[in-house]
Amino acid sequence: MLTVYETDADISPTSWILVKDYIYRDGLLLAAENYTEGTTHHFMLDHLGTPRVLTDAQGFFVSTHSYFGFGEELTGAHVGVDTEKMVFTGHERDFNSNSGAGDDLDYMHARYCNPNTGRFLSVDPKVRREAVVSSQIWGRYSYAAGNPVKFVDPDGKEVFLATRVVNDPLAKLVSGSHSFIVVKPTGSNKMFLREGQEQIILGGYQGTRKGKSVLIKGVDAPSDSAALQDGSASQMPVQPADQTMEEFELNVLDSFFAYEDGSLIYNPLDSSGGKNSNALASGVLKAAGAGDALPKPSNVPGFNPGLGDPIELPSTTKQDEDRPSRNDPGTGP
């Protein structure tokens, strides 16, 4: 729930008035209770999370809204009357003046976006050289990779450390845990997704190089995908306080691909110089700048050898010219 307070600087700058409560469900607008107007509104959303129809507490029609691609309201298409500020993709709109919509701005948490130009007012703080494989993100003021009908720039935790139970006869364990990372790209990072894909799964697995058992990296392993689908995998959100979601997503991807396949011996117990999936997952998150947000082994369910002994990888939070290039992602079991 989001609670809104307002003050009148001309009357009493230190006196705040409770104005409205916004109720959310699964991160999307559901309803709003306006205490100054004495109204309750329910939101009917489109696929982007934009309120298109508002109804009252009894379900009667209040208003409708229609928008151009980047959020400018379609003149003449607004039916009914409301004072709602949560508009395009569910973000708050600052109506700066009554002279027209030319100076309206959408507050998107990290930056302001102009719905008339489809551009942010400030640059994306970090665009990596190896990430620029689409001309739509060359412009660091661009919104949603130039495709606002398909993509949005949301705010939230979209990187997870996931674990699933495994039976490993080599470790002679009744049950241990295999850790992997789930990235759900936001904003322009969605360019990394394949058609119909909503997330990227990054993990470490046992492989063979020159007759030796080694640790290799893999993307979208069927075993990990199945664990997420059937609910047998546990997930913990990870988000450092000093990075935006998009920055952290890119840092995680870069850290993962910085690991050289087969450079370390695989050992399910993470001993005798060997490493396993847990050590790779925690090493990637550490190199990506997770810091205090990195889950502790004691907070992760199951037996996780290696989670507290992360693989040392180059930091991916330094300047672009010092960053490693991505290697072939390989495949996982």
Protein backbone atom coordinates (compact mmCIF):
# COMPACT_ATOMS: atom_id res chain seq x y z
CA MET A 1 0.00 0.00 0.00
CA LEU A 2 1.15 3.54 -0.81
CA THR A 3 -0.06 6.40 1.42
CA VAL A 4 -0.12 9.98 0.13
CA TYR A 5 0.17 13.06 2.36
CA GLU A 6 0.05 16.67 1.21
CA THR A 7 0.74 20.07 2.79
CA ASP A 8 -0.07 23.66 1.90
CA ALA A 9 3.10 25.70 2.22
CA ASP A 10 1.15 28.97 2.23
CA ILE A 11 -1.02 27.91 5.18
CA SER A 12 1.12 25.59 7.29
CA PRO A 13 4.26 24.04 5.78
CA THR A 14 4.63 21.68 8.74
CA SER A 15 1.04 20.42 8.78
CA TRP A 16 0.46 17.30 6.69
CA ILE A 17 -2.94 15.98 5.59
CA LEU A 18 -3.71 12.34 4.79
CA VAL A 19 -5.00 12.42 1.22
CA LYS A 20 -5.10 8.94 -0.30
CA ASP A 21 -4.20 5.28 0.07
CA TYR A 22 -3.25 3.21 -3.00
CA ILE A 23 -3.74 -0.54 -2.75
CA TYR A 24 -1.59 -2.86 -4.88
CA ARG A 25 -1.83 -6.53 -5.81
CA ASP A 26 1.26 -8.31 -7.18
CA GLY A 27 2.89 -4.93 -7.78
CA LEU A 28 -0.03 -3.57 -9.84
CA LEU A 29 -2.60 -0.91 -8.95
CA LEU A 30 -5.83 -2.35 -7.61
CA ALA A 31 -7.75 0.49 -5.90
CA ALA A 32 -7.45 3.93 -4.31
CA GLU A 33 -9.20 5.44 -1.30
CA ASN A 34 -9.35 9.25 -1.53
CA TYR A 35 -10.08 10.73 1.90
CA THR A 36 -10.31 14.38 0.85
CA GLU A 37 -12.84 13.62 -1.90
CA GLY A 38 -14.53 10.78 -0.04
CA THR A 39 -14.26 8.43 -3.04
CA THR A 40 -13.09 4.89 -3.75
CA HIS A 41 -11.83 3.96 -7.20
CA HIS A 42 -10.96 0.57 -8.70
CA PHE A 43 -8.51 0.33 -11.60
CA MET A 44 -8.90 -1.75 -14.76
CA LEU A 45 -5.38 -2.14 -16.22
CA ASP A 46 -3.99 -2.97 -19.64
CA HIS A 47 -0.99 -5.24 -20.32
CA LEU A 48 1.44 -2.44 -19.35
CA GLY A 49 -0.18 -1.82 -15.98
CA THR A 50 -1.81 1.43 -17.18
CA PRO A 51 -5.22 2.24 -15.63
CA ARG A 52 -7.62 2.43 -18.57
CA VAL A 53 -10.99 2.31 -16.80
CA LEU A 54 -11.92 3.57 -13.31
CA THR A 55 -15.00 2.41 -11.41
CA ASP A 56 -16.40 3.42 -8.03
CA ALA A 57 -16.98 1.33 -4.91
CA GLN A 58 -20.26 0.00 -6.34
CA GLY A 59 -18.65 -0.92 -9.66
CA PHE A 60 -20.21 1.94 -11.62
CA PHE A 61 -18.26 3.61 -14.41
CA VAL A 62 -16.22 6.72 -13.49
CA SER A 63 -13.84 7.40 -16.38
CA THR A 64 -11.70 5.99 -19.17
CA HIS A 65 -8.23 6.95 -20.40
CA SER A 66 -6.44 6.39 -23.73
CA TYR A 67 -2.78 7.10 -24.48
CA PHE A 68 -0.29 7.41 -27.30
CA GLY A 69 2.64 4.99 -27.29
CA PHE A 70 4.87 6.85 -24.81
CA GLY A 71 2.09 7.93 -22.45
CA GLU A 72 0.72 11.21 -23.77
CA GLU A 73 -3.03 11.25 -23.17
CA LEU A 74 -5.11 11.03 -26.35
CA THR A 75 -7.02 14.29 -26.65
CA GLY A 76 -10.78 13.83 -26.77
CA ALA A 77 -10.60 10.16 -25.76
CA HIS A 78 -10.89 10.82 -22.02
CA VAL A 79 -14.46 9.98 -20.96
CA GLY A 80 -15.70 10.94 -17.50
CA VAL A 81 -14.03 13.00 -14.78
CA ASP A 82 -11.37 12.07 -12.20
CA THR A 83 -8.30 13.63 -10.59
CA GLU A 84 -6.14 10.52 -10.73
CA LYS A 85 -2.37 11.06 -10.97
CA MET A 86 -1.35 7.40 -11.32
CA VAL A 87 -1.56 7.07 -15.07
CA PHE A 88 0.75 5.62 -17.75
CA THR A 89 2.18 2.21 -16.65
CA GLY A 90 0.92 3.02 -13.15
CA HIS A 91 3.48 5.78 -12.53
CA GLU A 92 2.62 9.13 -10.97
CA ARG A 93 2.25 12.04 -13.37
CA ASP A 94 3.26 15.57 -12.36
CA PHE A 95 0.77 17.93 -13.99
CA ASN A 96 3.00 20.99 -13.88
CA SER A 97 0.56 23.59 -15.21
CA ASN A 98 -2.94 24.07 -16.54
CA SER A 99 -1.70 25.51 -19.83
CA GLY A 100 -1.48 22.08 -21.46
CA ALA A 101 0.22 18.71 -21.36
CA GLY A 102 3.51 19.95 -22.81
CA ASP A 103 5.26 20.11 -19.44
CA ASP A 104 3.79 16.94 -17.86
CA LEU A 105 6.34 14.50 -16.44
CA ASP A 106 6.04 10.89 -15.28
CA TYR A 107 7.93 10.04 -12.09
CA MET A 108 9.56 6.65 -12.71
CA HIS A 109 11.48 6.42 -9.43
CA ALA A 110 15.04 6.63 -10.78
CA ARG A 111 14.30 9.30 -13.40
CA TYR A 112 11.58 11.54 -14.82
CA CYS A 113 10.19 10.76 -18.28
CA ASN A 114 8.44 13.16 -20.66
CA PRO A 115 5.39 11.38 -22.15
CA ASN A 116 5.28 13.82 -25.07
CA THR A 117 8.82 13.14 -26.27
CA GLY A 118 9.18 9.59 -25.00
CA ARG A 119 12.52 10.48 -23.42
CA PHE A 120 13.93 10.62 -19.89
CA LEU A 121 15.17 13.95 -18.58
CA SER A 122 18.47 12.45 -17.44
CA VAL A 123 20.78 9.82 -18.88
CA ASP A 124 20.87 6.15 -18.01
CA PRO A 125 23.76 6.20 -15.50
CA LYS A 126 25.47 3.15 -16.96
CA VAL A 127 25.34 1.70 -20.47
CA ARG A 128 27.98 -0.96 -21.05
CA ARG A 129 29.78 -1.26 -24.34
CA GLU A 130 29.04 -4.98 -24.65
CA ALA A 131 25.36 -4.37 -23.91
CA VAL A 132 24.87 -2.06 -26.86
CA VAL A 133 23.82 -4.57 -29.50
CA SER A 134 20.57 -2.76 -30.24
CA SER A 135 20.47 0.73 -31.73
CA GLN A 136 17.42 1.49 -29.58
CA ILE A 137 19.57 1.80 -26.43
CA TRP A 138 22.36 3.89 -27.96
CA GLY A 139 20.44 6.96 -26.83
CA ARG A 140 20.84 7.07 -23.05
CA TYR A 141 17.63 9.09 -22.70
CA SER A 142 15.47 6.46 -24.44
CA TYR A 143 12.51 4.81 -22.73
CA ALA A 144 11.79 1.05 -22.84
CA ALA A 145 14.25 0.40 -25.68
CA GLY A 146 12.06 2.47 -28.01
CA ASN A 147 9.20 -0.04 -27.75
CA PRO A 148 6.74 1.32 -25.15
CA VAL A 149 3.85 -0.82 -26.39
CA LYS A 150 5.72 -3.99 -25.37
CA PHE A 151 8.12 -2.92 -22.60
CA VAL A 152 7.91 -0.86 -19.41
CA ASP A 153 10.49 0.54 -16.98
CA PRO A 154 9.24 -0.86 -13.67
CA ASP A 155 10.78 -0.65 -10.23
CA GLY A 156 11.35 -3.67 -8.02
CA LYS A 157 13.53 -6.65 -7.17
CA GLU A 158 14.20 -8.65 -10.34
CA VAL A 159 17.33 -10.64 -9.43
CA PHE A 160 16.91 -13.75 -7.27
CA LEU A 161 19.19 -16.34 -5.71
CA ALA A 162 17.35 -19.64 -6.16
CA THR A 163 18.05 -23.09 -4.70
CA ARG A 164 16.72 -26.55 -5.40
CA VAL A 165 17.28 -29.85 -3.62
CA VAL A 166 19.59 -32.37 -5.28
CA ASN A 167 20.75 -35.87 -4.41
CA ASP A 168 24.46 -36.13 -5.07
CA PRO A 169 25.94 -39.61 -4.68
CA LEU A 170 29.48 -38.18 -4.96
CA ALA A 171 28.90 -36.11 -1.84
CA LYS A 172 27.08 -38.99 -0.12
CA LEU A 173 24.41 -36.59 1.02
CA VAL A 174 20.77 -37.41 1.63
CA SER A 175 19.96 -33.98 0.23
CA GLY A 176 21.97 -30.92 -0.68
CA SER A 177 21.13 -27.74 -2.55
CA HIS A 178 22.08 -26.46 -5.98
CA SER A 179 22.09 -22.65 -6.24
CA PHE A 180 21.44 -20.62 -9.36
CA ILE A 181 20.51 -17.04 -10.25
CA VAL A 182 17.27 -15.85 -11.84
CA VAL A 183 17.33 -12.51 -13.68
CA LYS A 184 14.07 -10.93 -14.83
CA PRO A 185 15.31 -8.07 -17.03
CA THR A 186 13.68 -4.67 -16.72
CA GLY A 187 13.66 -1.68 -19.06
CA SER A 188 16.13 -1.81 -21.95
CA ASN A 189 17.69 -4.99 -20.52
CA LYS A 190 14.73 -6.89 -21.99
CA MET A 191 16.62 -6.85 -25.27
CA PHE A 192 18.56 -9.86 -23.90
CA LEU A 193 15.40 -12.00 -23.77
CA ARG A 194 14.44 -14.38 -26.55
CA GLU A 195 10.94 -14.28 -28.00
CA GLY A 196 8.47 -15.44 -25.37
CA GLN A 197 11.15 -15.51 -22.63
CA GLU A 198 10.55 -13.66 -19.34
CA GLN A 199 13.67 -14.54 -17.35
CA ILE A 200 17.28 -15.71 -17.66
CA ILE A 201 18.57 -18.54 -15.48
CA LEU A 202 22.31 -18.57 -14.72
CA GLY A 203 23.95 -21.56 -13.06
CA GLY A 204 27.07 -23.63 -12.56
CA TYR A 205 27.26 -27.36 -13.37
CA GLN A 206 29.61 -30.32 -13.54
CA GLY A 207 31.41 -30.74 -16.86
CA THR A 208 34.41 -32.59 -18.26
CA ARG A 209 37.57 -31.11 -19.74
CA LYS A 210 40.51 -33.37 -20.69
CA GLY A 211 39.18 -36.13 -18.47
CA LYS A 212 38.78 -33.89 -15.44
CA SER A 213 35.58 -32.94 -13.65
CA VAL A 214 35.32 -29.14 -13.92
CA LEU A 215 32.84 -26.39 -13.13
CA ILE A 216 31.11 -24.95 -16.20
CA LYS A 217 28.47 -22.25 -16.51
CA GLY A 218 25.09 -22.74 -18.17
CA VAL A 219 22.07 -20.67 -19.17
CA ASP A 220 18.43 -21.72 -18.84
CA ALA A 221 19.18 -25.29 -17.75
CA PRO A 222 16.01 -27.43 -18.07
CA SER A 223 16.48 -28.83 -14.55
CA ASP A 224 16.47 -25.33 -13.04
CA SER A 225 13.57 -24.18 -15.21
CA ALA A 226 11.52 -27.17 -14.12
CA ALA A 227 12.23 -26.46 -10.44
CA LEU A 228 10.96 -22.90 -10.88
CA GLN A 229 7.85 -24.05 -12.71
CA ASP A 230 6.83 -26.73 -10.22
CA GLY A 231 7.60 -24.53 -7.22
CA SER A 232 10.28 -26.80 -5.75
CA ALA A 233 12.94 -24.05 -5.95
CA SER A 234 13.22 -21.42 -3.23
CA GLN A 235 13.92 -17.83 -4.30
CA MET A 236 15.43 -14.92 -2.39
CA PRO A 237 15.46 -11.41 -3.92
CA VAL A 238 18.82 -9.66 -4.10
CA GLN A 239 19.20 -5.89 -4.68
CA PRO A 240 22.08 -3.69 -3.48
CA ALA A 241 21.03 -0.29 -2.18
CA ASP A 242 23.54 1.68 -4.28
CA GLN A 243 22.48 0.39 -7.72
CA THR A 244 19.36 0.71 -9.83
CA MET A 245 17.66 -2.51 -10.86
CA GLU A 246 18.86 -2.21 -14.46
CA GLU A 247 22.46 -1.56 -13.34
CA PHE A 248 22.46 -4.59 -11.07
CA GLU A 249 20.96 -6.85 -13.74
CA LEU A 250 23.75 -5.93 -16.16
CA ASN A 251 26.40 -6.34 -13.47
CA VAL A 252 25.10 -9.83 -12.67
CA LEU A 253 25.11 -10.86 -16.34
CA ASP A 254 28.61 -9.50 -16.87
CA SER A 255 29.95 -11.18 -13.73
CA PHE A 256 28.49 -14.51 -14.74
CA PHE A 257 29.99 -14.45 -18.24
CA ALA A 258 33.34 -13.36 -16.83
CA TYR A 259 33.82 -16.86 -15.37
CA GLU A 260 36.00 -18.97 -17.67
CA ASP A 261 34.45 -22.38 -18.26
CA GLY A 262 36.52 -25.24 -16.89
CA SER A 263 39.01 -23.01 -15.07
CA LEU A 264 38.14 -24.62 -11.72
CA ILE A 265 37.84 -28.22 -10.61
CA TYR A 266 34.29 -29.26 -9.75
CA ASN A 267 33.69 -30.57 -6.27
CA PRO A 268 30.15 -30.82 -4.83
CA LEU A 269 31.50 -30.19 -1.32
CA ASP A 270 33.53 -27.13 -2.38
CA SER A 271 36.68 -28.55 -0.86
CA SER A 272 40.18 -29.62 -1.88
CA GLY A 273 40.42 -26.67 -4.25
CA GLY A 274 37.21 -27.53 -6.06
CA LYS A 275 34.14 -25.32 -6.52
CA ASN A 276 30.44 -25.89 -7.17
CA SER A 277 27.27 -24.10 -8.24
CA ASN A 278 26.81 -22.43 -4.87
CA ALA A 279 30.29 -20.90 -4.96
CA LEU A 280 29.70 -19.63 -8.51
CA ALA A 281 26.29 -18.09 -7.66
CA SER A 282 27.61 -16.25 -4.60
CA GLY A 283 30.77 -15.22 -6.50
CA VAL A 284 28.71 -13.70 -9.32
CA LEU A 285 26.52 -11.75 -6.90
CA LYS A 286 29.56 -10.55 -4.95
CA ALA A 287 31.36 -9.36 -8.11
CA ALA A 288 28.16 -7.61 -9.24
CA GLY A 289 28.24 -5.50 -6.08
CA ALA A 290 25.58 -7.24 -4.00
CA GLY A 291 27.51 -6.38 -0.83
CA ASP A 292 25.30 -6.55 2.25
CA ALA A 293 22.41 -7.71 0.05
CA LEU A 294 24.22 -11.03 -0.58
CA PRO A 295 22.27 -13.76 1.26
CA LYS A 296 24.16 -15.54 4.03
CA PRO A 297 24.38 -19.36 3.92
CA SER A 298 22.35 -19.51 7.14
CA ASN A 299 19.49 -17.67 5.43
CA VAL A 300 19.27 -20.10 2.51
CA PRO A 301 17.31 -23.34 3.03
CA GLY A 302 19.10 -26.67 2.58
CA PHE A 303 22.73 -27.73 2.73
CA ASN A 304 24.73 -25.24 0.64
CA PRO A 305 28.46 -26.01 0.68
CA GLY A 306 30.39 -23.24 -1.03
CA LEU A 307 27.78 -20.50 -0.74
CA GLY A 308 29.87 -18.77 1.91
CA ASP A 309 33.09 -19.26 -0.08
CA PRO A 310 32.37 -17.39 -3.33
CA ILE A 311 34.52 -17.74 -6.43
CA GLU A 312 36.68 -14.66 -6.93
CA LEU A 313 35.60 -12.88 -10.11
CA PRO A 314 36.54 -9.42 -11.48
CA SER A 315 34.28 -6.68 -10.15
CA THR A 316 31.76 -5.54 -12.76
CA THR A 317 30.89 -2.30 -11.01
CA LYS A 318 33.99 -0.46 -12.27
CA GLN A 319 34.32 1.69 -15.37
CA ASP A 320 33.21 0.32 -18.74
CA GLU A 321 36.70 0.26 -20.27
CA ASP A 322 37.86 -2.11 -17.51
CA ARG A 323 34.95 -4.49 -17.82
CA PRO A 324 35.38 -8.05 -19.14
CA SER A 325 33.80 -9.11 -22.40
CA ARG A 326 31.10 -11.76 -22.43
CA ASN A 327 31.99 -15.29 -23.43
CA ASP A 328 29.82 -17.97 -24.97
CA PRO A 329 27.17 -18.82 -22.36
CA GLY A 330 27.35 -22.58 -22.91
CA THR A 331 24.56 -24.90 -21.82
CA GLY A 332 23.54 -26.47 -18.54
CA PRO A 333 22.04 -29.86 -17.74
